[in-house]
N, C-alpha and C. Protein backbone atom coordinates (compact mmCIF):
# COMPACT_ATOMS: atom_id res chain seq x y z
N MET A 1 -84.88 -76.94 19.35
CA MET A 1 -84.74 -75.51 19.18
C MET A 1 -84.72 -74.85 20.56
N ASP A 2 -83.71 -73.99 20.81
CA ASP A 2 -83.60 -73.31 22.08
C ASP A 2 -84.52 -72.11 22.11
N ARG A 3 -85.18 -71.93 23.23
CA ARG A 3 -86.05 -70.77 23.40
C ARG A 3 -85.41 -69.82 24.40
N VAL A 4 -85.55 -68.56 24.14
CA VAL A 4 -85.05 -67.54 25.06
C VAL A 4 -86.12 -67.32 26.11
N PRO A 5 -85.75 -67.39 27.40
CA PRO A 5 -86.75 -67.12 28.43
C PRO A 5 -87.38 -65.74 28.22
N GLU A 6 -88.68 -65.65 28.59
CA GLU A 6 -89.43 -64.41 28.32
C GLU A 6 -88.78 -63.20 28.98
N ARG A 7 -88.32 -63.34 30.23
CA ARG A 7 -87.72 -62.21 30.93
C ARG A 7 -86.45 -61.75 30.22
N GLN A 8 -85.64 -62.67 29.75
CA GLN A 8 -84.42 -62.33 29.02
C GLN A 8 -84.76 -61.67 27.69
N ALA A 9 -85.79 -62.12 27.02
CA ALA A 9 -86.21 -61.53 25.75
C ALA A 9 -86.64 -60.09 25.95
N ARG A 10 -87.38 -59.83 27.04
CA ARG A 10 -87.82 -58.46 27.31
C ARG A 10 -86.63 -57.55 27.59
N SER A 11 -85.64 -58.02 28.34
CA SER A 11 -84.48 -57.17 28.62
C SER A 11 -83.70 -56.89 27.35
N THR A 12 -83.65 -57.85 26.43
CA THR A 12 -82.99 -57.63 25.14
C THR A 12 -83.73 -56.56 24.37
N ASP A 13 -85.07 -56.61 24.38
CA ASP A 13 -85.87 -55.61 23.68
C ASP A 13 -85.63 -54.22 24.25
N ARG A 14 -85.49 -54.12 25.57
CA ARG A 14 -85.27 -52.82 26.18
C ARG A 14 -83.95 -52.21 25.73
N ARG A 15 -82.95 -53.05 25.54
CA ARG A 15 -81.65 -52.53 25.11
C ARG A 15 -81.72 -51.98 23.70
N ARG A 16 -82.61 -52.48 22.89
CA ARG A 16 -82.72 -52.04 21.51
C ARG A 16 -83.61 -50.81 21.36
N THR A 17 -84.30 -50.43 22.42
CA THR A 17 -85.20 -49.29 22.34
C THR A 17 -84.38 -48.02 22.10
N ALA A 18 -84.81 -47.24 21.13
CA ALA A 18 -84.10 -46.01 20.80
C ALA A 18 -84.32 -44.98 21.91
N VAL A 19 -83.28 -44.25 22.21
CA VAL A 19 -83.38 -43.19 23.20
C VAL A 19 -83.87 -41.94 22.50
N SER A 20 -84.95 -41.38 23.01
CA SER A 20 -85.47 -40.18 22.37
C SER A 20 -84.64 -38.98 22.79
N ARG A 21 -84.58 -38.03 21.92
CA ARG A 21 -83.77 -36.83 22.10
C ARG A 21 -84.55 -35.83 22.95
N ILE A 22 -83.87 -35.13 23.84
CA ILE A 22 -84.50 -34.11 24.65
C ILE A 22 -84.63 -32.85 23.81
N PRO A 23 -85.85 -32.30 23.69
CA PRO A 23 -86.01 -31.08 22.90
C PRO A 23 -85.30 -29.91 23.58
N VAL A 24 -84.48 -29.21 22.84
CA VAL A 24 -83.73 -28.08 23.40
C VAL A 24 -84.36 -26.74 23.08
N PHE A 25 -85.45 -26.76 22.34
CA PHE A 25 -86.04 -25.51 21.87
C PHE A 25 -87.33 -25.19 22.61
N ASN A 26 -87.52 -25.67 23.83
CA ASN A 26 -88.76 -25.47 24.56
C ASN A 26 -88.85 -24.11 25.23
N SER A 27 -87.76 -23.40 25.37
CA SER A 27 -87.77 -22.13 26.07
C SER A 27 -88.63 -21.11 25.33
N PRO A 28 -89.44 -20.35 26.07
CA PRO A 28 -90.25 -19.32 25.40
C PRO A 28 -89.38 -18.22 24.79
N LEU A 29 -88.12 -18.16 25.18
CA LEU A 29 -87.21 -17.16 24.61
C LEU A 29 -86.72 -17.58 23.23
N LEU A 30 -86.97 -18.82 22.83
CA LEU A 30 -86.45 -19.33 21.56
C LEU A 30 -87.58 -19.56 20.57
N LEU A 31 -88.48 -18.62 20.48
CA LEU A 31 -89.58 -18.75 19.53
C LEU A 31 -89.03 -18.83 18.12
N GLY A 32 -89.53 -19.77 17.37
CA GLY A 32 -89.07 -19.95 16.00
C GLY A 32 -88.07 -21.07 15.87
N PHE A 33 -87.40 -21.43 16.95
CA PHE A 33 -86.43 -22.52 16.88
C PHE A 33 -87.12 -23.87 16.79
N ASP A 34 -88.38 -23.97 17.24
CA ASP A 34 -89.08 -25.25 17.15
C ASP A 34 -89.20 -25.71 15.71
N HIS A 35 -89.41 -24.76 14.80
CA HIS A 35 -89.45 -25.08 13.38
C HIS A 35 -88.09 -25.61 12.94
N PHE A 36 -87.03 -24.98 13.43
CA PHE A 36 -85.67 -25.40 13.14
C PHE A 36 -85.46 -26.84 13.61
N GLU A 37 -85.93 -27.14 14.81
CA GLU A 37 -85.77 -28.49 15.35
C GLU A 37 -86.52 -29.52 14.52
N GLN A 38 -87.75 -29.19 14.11
CA GLN A 38 -88.53 -30.12 13.29
C GLN A 38 -87.84 -30.38 11.97
N MET A 39 -87.31 -29.34 11.36
CA MET A 39 -86.62 -29.52 10.08
C MET A 39 -85.35 -30.36 10.27
N LEU A 40 -84.63 -30.13 11.35
CA LEU A 40 -83.43 -30.93 11.61
C LEU A 40 -83.80 -32.40 11.81
N ASP A 41 -84.91 -32.64 12.49
CA ASP A 41 -85.36 -34.02 12.67
C ASP A 41 -85.64 -34.67 11.33
N ARG A 42 -86.35 -33.95 10.44
CA ARG A 42 -86.68 -34.51 9.13
C ARG A 42 -85.42 -34.80 8.33
N VAL A 43 -84.48 -33.85 8.33
CA VAL A 43 -83.26 -34.04 7.55
C VAL A 43 -82.44 -35.18 8.12
N SER A 44 -82.34 -35.27 9.44
CA SER A 44 -81.53 -36.33 10.03
C SER A 44 -82.14 -37.70 9.77
N LYS A 45 -83.46 -37.80 9.68
CA LYS A 45 -84.10 -39.08 9.40
C LYS A 45 -83.93 -39.49 7.95
N THR A 46 -83.74 -38.53 7.05
CA THR A 46 -83.58 -38.88 5.65
C THR A 46 -82.14 -39.21 5.29
N SER A 47 -81.21 -38.92 6.18
CA SER A 47 -79.81 -39.23 5.91
C SER A 47 -79.63 -40.74 5.96
N ALA A 48 -79.15 -41.30 4.88
CA ALA A 48 -79.14 -42.76 4.71
C ALA A 48 -78.23 -43.47 5.69
N ASP A 49 -76.96 -43.11 5.75
CA ASP A 49 -76.04 -43.92 6.54
C ASP A 49 -75.62 -43.27 7.85
N GLY A 50 -76.02 -42.06 8.11
CA GLY A 50 -75.68 -41.42 9.37
C GLY A 50 -74.23 -40.99 9.48
N TYR A 51 -73.54 -40.89 8.36
CA TYR A 51 -72.14 -40.49 8.39
C TYR A 51 -71.99 -39.09 7.82
N PRO A 52 -71.24 -38.25 8.46
CA PRO A 52 -70.59 -38.42 9.74
C PRO A 52 -71.58 -38.18 10.89
N PRO A 53 -71.30 -38.78 12.04
CA PRO A 53 -72.17 -38.53 13.18
C PRO A 53 -72.04 -37.07 13.62
N TYR A 54 -73.10 -36.56 14.23
CA TYR A 54 -73.09 -35.15 14.63
C TYR A 54 -73.87 -34.95 15.91
N ASN A 55 -73.59 -33.84 16.57
CA ASN A 55 -74.34 -33.37 17.74
C ASN A 55 -74.86 -31.98 17.43
N ILE A 56 -76.00 -31.65 18.01
CA ILE A 56 -76.51 -30.28 17.98
C ILE A 56 -76.70 -29.88 19.43
N GLU A 57 -76.04 -28.82 19.84
CA GLU A 57 -76.15 -28.40 21.23
C GLU A 57 -76.50 -26.92 21.32
N GLN A 58 -77.21 -26.60 22.39
CA GLN A 58 -77.53 -25.20 22.66
C GLN A 58 -76.43 -24.67 23.55
N VAL A 59 -75.73 -23.63 23.10
CA VAL A 59 -74.59 -23.11 23.86
C VAL A 59 -74.88 -21.75 24.47
N GLY A 60 -76.05 -21.20 24.23
CA GLY A 60 -76.47 -19.92 24.79
C GLY A 60 -77.94 -19.72 24.48
N GLU A 61 -78.48 -18.62 24.96
CA GLU A 61 -79.91 -18.37 24.73
C GLU A 61 -80.24 -18.24 23.25
N GLU A 62 -79.30 -17.69 22.48
CA GLU A 62 -79.54 -17.47 21.05
C GLU A 62 -78.59 -18.29 20.17
N GLU A 63 -77.71 -19.09 20.78
CA GLU A 63 -76.67 -19.77 20.02
C GLU A 63 -76.84 -21.29 20.04
N LEU A 64 -76.51 -21.89 18.89
CA LEU A 64 -76.48 -23.34 18.73
C LEU A 64 -75.13 -23.71 18.14
N ARG A 65 -74.73 -24.96 18.33
CA ARG A 65 -73.50 -25.46 17.72
C ARG A 65 -73.77 -26.85 17.15
N ILE A 66 -73.41 -27.03 15.90
CA ILE A 66 -73.45 -28.34 15.27
C ILE A 66 -72.01 -28.84 15.22
N THR A 67 -71.78 -30.03 15.75
CA THR A 67 -70.44 -30.62 15.76
C THR A 67 -70.49 -31.93 15.00
N LEU A 68 -69.64 -32.05 13.99
CA LEU A 68 -69.56 -33.27 13.18
C LEU A 68 -68.21 -33.94 13.43
N ALA A 69 -68.22 -35.26 13.54
CA ALA A 69 -66.99 -36.04 13.71
C ALA A 69 -66.42 -36.32 12.33
N VAL A 70 -65.34 -35.62 11.98
CA VAL A 70 -64.75 -35.72 10.64
C VAL A 70 -63.27 -36.09 10.72
N ALA A 71 -62.95 -37.08 11.55
CA ALA A 71 -61.56 -37.52 11.70
C ALA A 71 -61.00 -37.93 10.34
N GLY A 72 -59.78 -37.50 10.07
CA GLY A 72 -59.12 -37.84 8.80
C GLY A 72 -59.31 -36.80 7.72
N PHE A 73 -60.21 -35.86 7.92
CA PHE A 73 -60.43 -34.79 6.93
C PHE A 73 -59.62 -33.56 7.33
N THR A 74 -59.03 -32.91 6.34
CA THR A 74 -58.32 -31.66 6.58
C THR A 74 -59.23 -30.50 6.17
N MET A 75 -58.80 -29.29 6.45
CA MET A 75 -59.59 -28.12 6.06
C MET A 75 -59.79 -28.08 4.55
N ASP A 76 -58.79 -28.55 3.80
CA ASP A 76 -58.91 -28.56 2.34
C ASP A 76 -59.92 -29.59 1.84
N ASN A 77 -60.20 -30.62 2.65
CA ASN A 77 -61.17 -31.66 2.28
C ASN A 77 -62.61 -31.29 2.62
N LEU A 78 -62.81 -30.22 3.39
CA LEU A 78 -64.14 -29.87 3.88
C LEU A 78 -64.65 -28.58 3.25
N GLU A 79 -65.96 -28.52 3.07
CA GLU A 79 -66.59 -27.32 2.51
C GLU A 79 -67.91 -27.09 3.26
N VAL A 80 -68.11 -25.86 3.74
CA VAL A 80 -69.35 -25.49 4.41
C VAL A 80 -69.97 -24.35 3.62
N THR A 81 -71.20 -24.55 3.14
CA THR A 81 -71.89 -23.53 2.34
C THR A 81 -73.34 -23.41 2.81
N ILE A 82 -73.95 -22.30 2.41
CA ILE A 82 -75.39 -22.13 2.61
C ILE A 82 -76.00 -22.04 1.22
N GLU A 83 -76.91 -22.96 0.93
CA GLU A 83 -77.56 -23.02 -0.38
C GLU A 83 -79.07 -23.08 -0.17
N ASP A 84 -79.77 -22.05 -0.64
CA ASP A 84 -81.24 -22.02 -0.53
C ASP A 84 -81.71 -22.33 0.88
N ASN A 85 -81.20 -21.60 1.85
CA ASN A 85 -81.60 -21.73 3.25
C ASN A 85 -81.25 -23.10 3.85
N GLN A 86 -80.27 -23.77 3.26
CA GLN A 86 -79.77 -25.03 3.81
C GLN A 86 -78.29 -24.89 4.11
N LEU A 87 -77.90 -25.37 5.27
CA LEU A 87 -76.49 -25.48 5.60
C LEU A 87 -76.01 -26.80 5.02
N VAL A 88 -75.01 -26.75 4.14
CA VAL A 88 -74.52 -27.94 3.46
C VAL A 88 -73.05 -28.13 3.84
N ILE A 89 -72.74 -29.31 4.38
CA ILE A 89 -71.36 -29.64 4.75
C ILE A 89 -70.94 -30.81 3.87
N ARG A 90 -69.83 -30.62 3.14
CA ARG A 90 -69.32 -31.67 2.26
C ARG A 90 -67.90 -32.03 2.67
N GLY A 91 -67.60 -33.30 2.56
CA GLY A 91 -66.25 -33.77 2.81
C GLY A 91 -65.81 -34.66 1.67
N ARG A 92 -64.61 -34.40 1.17
CA ARG A 92 -64.06 -35.21 0.07
C ARG A 92 -62.62 -35.58 0.41
N GLN A 93 -62.35 -36.86 0.45
CA GLN A 93 -60.98 -37.32 0.69
C GLN A 93 -60.46 -37.95 -0.58
N VAL A 94 -59.20 -37.68 -0.87
CA VAL A 94 -58.56 -38.28 -2.03
C VAL A 94 -57.91 -39.58 -1.57
N ASP A 95 -58.25 -40.66 -2.23
CA ASP A 95 -57.75 -41.98 -1.87
C ASP A 95 -56.50 -42.27 -2.70
N ASP A 96 -55.33 -41.89 -2.18
CA ASP A 96 -54.06 -42.07 -2.89
C ASP A 96 -53.30 -43.24 -2.26
N ASP A 97 -53.78 -44.44 -2.53
CA ASP A 97 -53.18 -45.63 -1.93
C ASP A 97 -52.51 -46.53 -2.96
N SER A 98 -52.12 -45.98 -4.08
CA SER A 98 -51.53 -46.81 -5.13
C SER A 98 -50.20 -47.43 -4.69
N HIS A 99 -49.51 -46.81 -3.75
CA HIS A 99 -48.21 -47.31 -3.32
C HIS A 99 -48.29 -48.14 -2.03
N ARG A 100 -49.48 -48.32 -1.47
CA ARG A 100 -49.63 -49.05 -0.21
C ARG A 100 -50.21 -50.44 -0.45
N VAL A 101 -49.76 -51.38 0.38
CA VAL A 101 -50.31 -52.73 0.36
C VAL A 101 -50.93 -52.97 1.74
N TYR A 102 -52.24 -53.12 1.78
CA TYR A 102 -52.95 -53.31 3.05
C TYR A 102 -53.10 -54.79 3.37
N LEU A 103 -52.83 -55.16 4.60
CA LEU A 103 -53.15 -56.50 5.08
C LEU A 103 -54.58 -56.52 5.61
N HIS A 104 -55.01 -55.40 6.15
CA HIS A 104 -56.41 -55.19 6.56
C HIS A 104 -56.73 -53.72 6.36
N ARG A 105 -57.86 -53.44 5.76
CA ARG A 105 -58.24 -52.05 5.55
C ARG A 105 -59.60 -51.81 6.19
N GLY A 106 -59.59 -51.13 7.32
CA GLY A 106 -60.82 -50.83 8.05
C GLY A 106 -61.17 -49.36 8.04
N ILE A 107 -60.23 -48.53 7.60
CA ILE A 107 -60.47 -47.09 7.52
C ILE A 107 -60.59 -46.73 6.06
N ALA A 108 -61.79 -46.40 5.66
CA ALA A 108 -62.03 -46.09 4.25
C ALA A 108 -62.02 -44.59 4.03
N ALA A 109 -61.45 -44.18 2.91
CA ALA A 109 -61.56 -42.78 2.50
C ALA A 109 -62.93 -42.65 1.85
N ARG A 110 -63.75 -41.77 2.38
CA ARG A 110 -65.09 -41.66 1.85
C ARG A 110 -65.50 -40.21 1.74
N GLN A 111 -66.52 -39.99 0.97
CA GLN A 111 -67.08 -38.66 0.81
C GLN A 111 -68.40 -38.61 1.56
N PHE A 112 -68.81 -37.40 1.93
CA PHE A 112 -70.11 -37.25 2.56
C PHE A 112 -70.69 -35.89 2.22
N GLN A 113 -71.98 -35.80 2.41
CA GLN A 113 -72.69 -34.52 2.35
C GLN A 113 -73.77 -34.58 3.42
N ARG A 114 -73.79 -33.58 4.29
CA ARG A 114 -74.77 -33.51 5.36
C ARG A 114 -75.50 -32.17 5.21
N ASN A 115 -76.83 -32.20 5.15
CA ASN A 115 -77.63 -30.99 4.96
C ASN A 115 -78.46 -30.71 6.21
N PHE A 116 -78.57 -29.43 6.56
CA PHE A 116 -79.43 -28.98 7.64
C PHE A 116 -80.26 -27.81 7.11
N ILE A 117 -81.57 -27.91 7.19
CA ILE A 117 -82.44 -26.82 6.74
C ILE A 117 -82.51 -25.80 7.87
N LEU A 118 -82.21 -24.54 7.54
CA LEU A 118 -82.17 -23.48 8.54
C LEU A 118 -83.48 -22.72 8.59
N ALA A 119 -83.94 -22.42 9.79
CA ALA A 119 -85.12 -21.59 9.96
C ALA A 119 -84.77 -20.16 9.55
N GLU A 120 -85.78 -19.40 9.22
CA GLU A 120 -85.56 -18.01 8.81
C GLU A 120 -84.92 -17.24 9.96
N GLY A 121 -83.90 -16.48 9.65
CA GLY A 121 -83.22 -15.67 10.65
C GLY A 121 -82.00 -16.34 11.26
N ILE A 122 -81.83 -17.63 11.06
CA ILE A 122 -80.65 -18.33 11.60
C ILE A 122 -79.44 -17.96 10.76
N GLU A 123 -78.36 -17.59 11.43
CA GLU A 123 -77.13 -17.21 10.73
C GLU A 123 -75.99 -18.11 11.19
N VAL A 124 -75.13 -18.49 10.26
CA VAL A 124 -73.92 -19.23 10.59
C VAL A 124 -72.86 -18.19 10.92
N THR A 125 -72.32 -18.26 12.13
CA THR A 125 -71.34 -17.25 12.54
C THR A 125 -69.90 -17.72 12.37
N SER A 126 -69.66 -19.03 12.48
CA SER A 126 -68.28 -19.50 12.32
C SER A 126 -68.26 -21.01 12.11
N ALA A 127 -67.14 -21.48 11.59
CA ALA A 127 -66.88 -22.91 11.44
C ALA A 127 -65.39 -23.12 11.72
N ARG A 128 -65.09 -24.11 12.54
CA ARG A 128 -63.68 -24.38 12.84
C ARG A 128 -63.46 -25.88 12.98
N LEU A 129 -62.28 -26.32 12.57
CA LEU A 129 -61.89 -27.73 12.64
C LEU A 129 -60.90 -27.87 13.78
N GLU A 130 -61.24 -28.76 14.72
CA GLU A 130 -60.40 -28.91 15.91
C GLU A 130 -60.42 -30.37 16.36
N ASP A 131 -59.26 -31.01 16.36
CA ASP A 131 -59.11 -32.39 16.84
C ASP A 131 -60.08 -33.36 16.17
N GLY A 132 -60.26 -33.25 14.86
CA GLY A 132 -61.13 -34.16 14.14
C GLY A 132 -62.61 -33.85 14.25
N LEU A 133 -62.94 -32.72 14.86
CA LEU A 133 -64.34 -32.30 15.00
C LEU A 133 -64.53 -30.97 14.27
N LEU A 134 -65.58 -30.90 13.46
CA LEU A 134 -65.94 -29.66 12.78
C LEU A 134 -67.06 -29.01 13.57
N HIS A 135 -66.79 -27.82 14.13
CA HIS A 135 -67.76 -27.08 14.93
C HIS A 135 -68.33 -25.96 14.07
N ILE A 136 -69.65 -25.90 13.96
CA ILE A 136 -70.32 -24.84 13.21
C ILE A 136 -71.24 -24.13 14.18
N ASP A 137 -70.99 -22.83 14.39
CA ASP A 137 -71.78 -22.05 15.32
C ASP A 137 -72.88 -21.29 14.59
N LEU A 138 -74.08 -21.32 15.17
CA LEU A 138 -75.25 -20.68 14.60
C LEU A 138 -75.83 -19.72 15.63
N VAL A 139 -76.48 -18.67 15.13
CA VAL A 139 -77.15 -17.72 16.03
C VAL A 139 -78.46 -17.29 15.40
N ARG A 140 -79.44 -17.11 16.24
CA ARG A 140 -80.70 -16.50 15.81
C ARG A 140 -81.00 -15.39 16.80
N PRO A 141 -80.69 -14.16 16.40
CA PRO A 141 -80.94 -13.05 17.31
C PRO A 141 -82.44 -12.91 17.59
N ILE A 142 -82.76 -12.68 18.85
CA ILE A 142 -84.15 -12.45 19.22
C ILE A 142 -84.44 -10.98 18.97
N PRO A 143 -85.40 -10.67 18.10
CA PRO A 143 -85.67 -9.27 17.78
C PRO A 143 -86.23 -8.53 18.98
N GLU A 144 -85.86 -7.26 19.08
CA GLU A 144 -86.38 -6.41 20.14
C GLU A 144 -87.86 -6.14 19.87
N PRO A 145 -88.69 -6.19 20.90
CA PRO A 145 -90.11 -5.88 20.67
C PRO A 145 -90.27 -4.41 20.29
N GLN A 146 -91.12 -4.18 19.33
CA GLN A 146 -91.36 -2.82 18.87
C GLN A 146 -92.78 -2.41 19.21
N VAL A 147 -92.94 -1.17 19.65
CA VAL A 147 -94.26 -0.64 19.98
C VAL A 147 -94.64 0.35 18.89
N ARG A 148 -95.83 0.16 18.33
CA ARG A 148 -96.35 1.09 17.33
C ARG A 148 -97.64 1.70 17.86
N ARG A 149 -97.88 2.90 17.47
CA ARG A 149 -99.15 3.55 17.81
C ARG A 149 -100.10 3.37 16.64
N ILE A 150 -101.29 2.88 16.94
CA ILE A 150 -102.33 2.69 15.94
C ILE A 150 -103.40 3.74 16.18
N LYS A 151 -103.70 4.47 15.16
CA LYS A 151 -104.70 5.54 15.27
C LYS A 151 -106.10 4.92 15.19
N ILE A 152 -106.93 5.25 16.19
CA ILE A 152 -108.32 4.80 16.20
C ILE A 152 -109.20 6.01 15.99
N GLU A 153 -110.02 5.91 15.01
CA GLU A 153 -110.90 7.03 14.71
C GLU A 153 -112.32 6.71 15.14
N ASN A 154 -113.00 7.74 15.62
CA ASN A 154 -114.40 7.62 16.00
C ASN A 154 -115.25 7.70 14.75
N SER A 155 -116.34 6.92 14.71
CA SER A 155 -117.19 6.96 13.52
C SER A 155 -117.91 8.30 13.38
N ASP A 156 -118.13 9.00 14.49
CA ASP A 156 -118.75 10.32 14.45
C ASP A 156 -117.63 11.35 14.59
N LYS A 157 -117.07 11.79 13.50
CA LYS A 157 -115.89 12.66 13.51
C LYS A 157 -116.19 14.04 14.08
N ALA A 158 -117.43 14.48 14.06
CA ALA A 158 -117.76 15.82 14.54
C ALA A 158 -117.73 15.91 16.05
N LYS A 159 -117.99 14.81 16.78
CA LYS A 159 -118.11 14.88 18.24
C LYS A 159 -116.78 14.72 18.97
N SER A 160 -115.82 14.01 18.42
CA SER A 160 -114.58 13.78 19.16
C SER A 160 -113.37 13.78 18.25
N LYS A 161 -112.23 13.94 18.89
CA LYS A 161 -110.96 13.90 18.17
C LYS A 161 -110.48 12.45 18.09
N PRO A 162 -109.61 12.14 17.11
CA PRO A 162 -109.05 10.78 17.05
C PRO A 162 -108.25 10.47 18.32
N GLN A 163 -108.30 9.24 18.76
CA GLN A 163 -107.56 8.79 19.93
C GLN A 163 -106.53 7.75 19.49
N THR A 164 -105.49 7.60 20.29
CA THR A 164 -104.49 6.57 19.98
C THR A 164 -104.35 5.63 21.18
N ILE A 165 -104.02 4.40 20.88
CA ILE A 165 -103.78 3.39 21.90
C ILE A 165 -102.45 2.71 21.57
N ASP A 166 -101.72 2.31 22.62
CA ASP A 166 -100.48 1.55 22.40
C ASP A 166 -100.82 0.09 22.16
N VAL A 167 -100.24 -0.46 21.11
CA VAL A 167 -100.42 -1.87 20.79
C VAL A 167 -99.05 -2.52 20.75
N GLU A 168 -98.91 -3.66 21.42
CA GLU A 168 -97.62 -4.37 21.39
C GLU A 168 -97.69 -5.54 20.49
């Protein structure tokens, strides 16, 4: 029985180590996106076969883009919907090969459904199909801080008037 040298075995193990993803939601300006990232992690881990592959990129302070590789799908084969705070992308291809004889078939017509749970306030602004890639743009506007005046009353109403303080 052949044994693999220990040093070679360790280098093989290193190649199999999964590369961890860099968190893109660390900016203090993106409060609330961390929940979005956690939900995306959970959904991506539950996807059985990983098809179609996708990227999630930050394209601005308030903007994200999800890009799915959907080569072979036309606009008529794709559907993007929001259902119960989930972004749902479906692809359906019609397999009309009754007149073809394949010597080798490596490209299969397949269906898929990819779900992304959206954090509250996330809006889908657009979806476009370009060169076999489906780009879905998302935005979460950062709300403007609001200042309210809170009335503070003195317990001895006869001695002083009510005062107000600014609270942010």
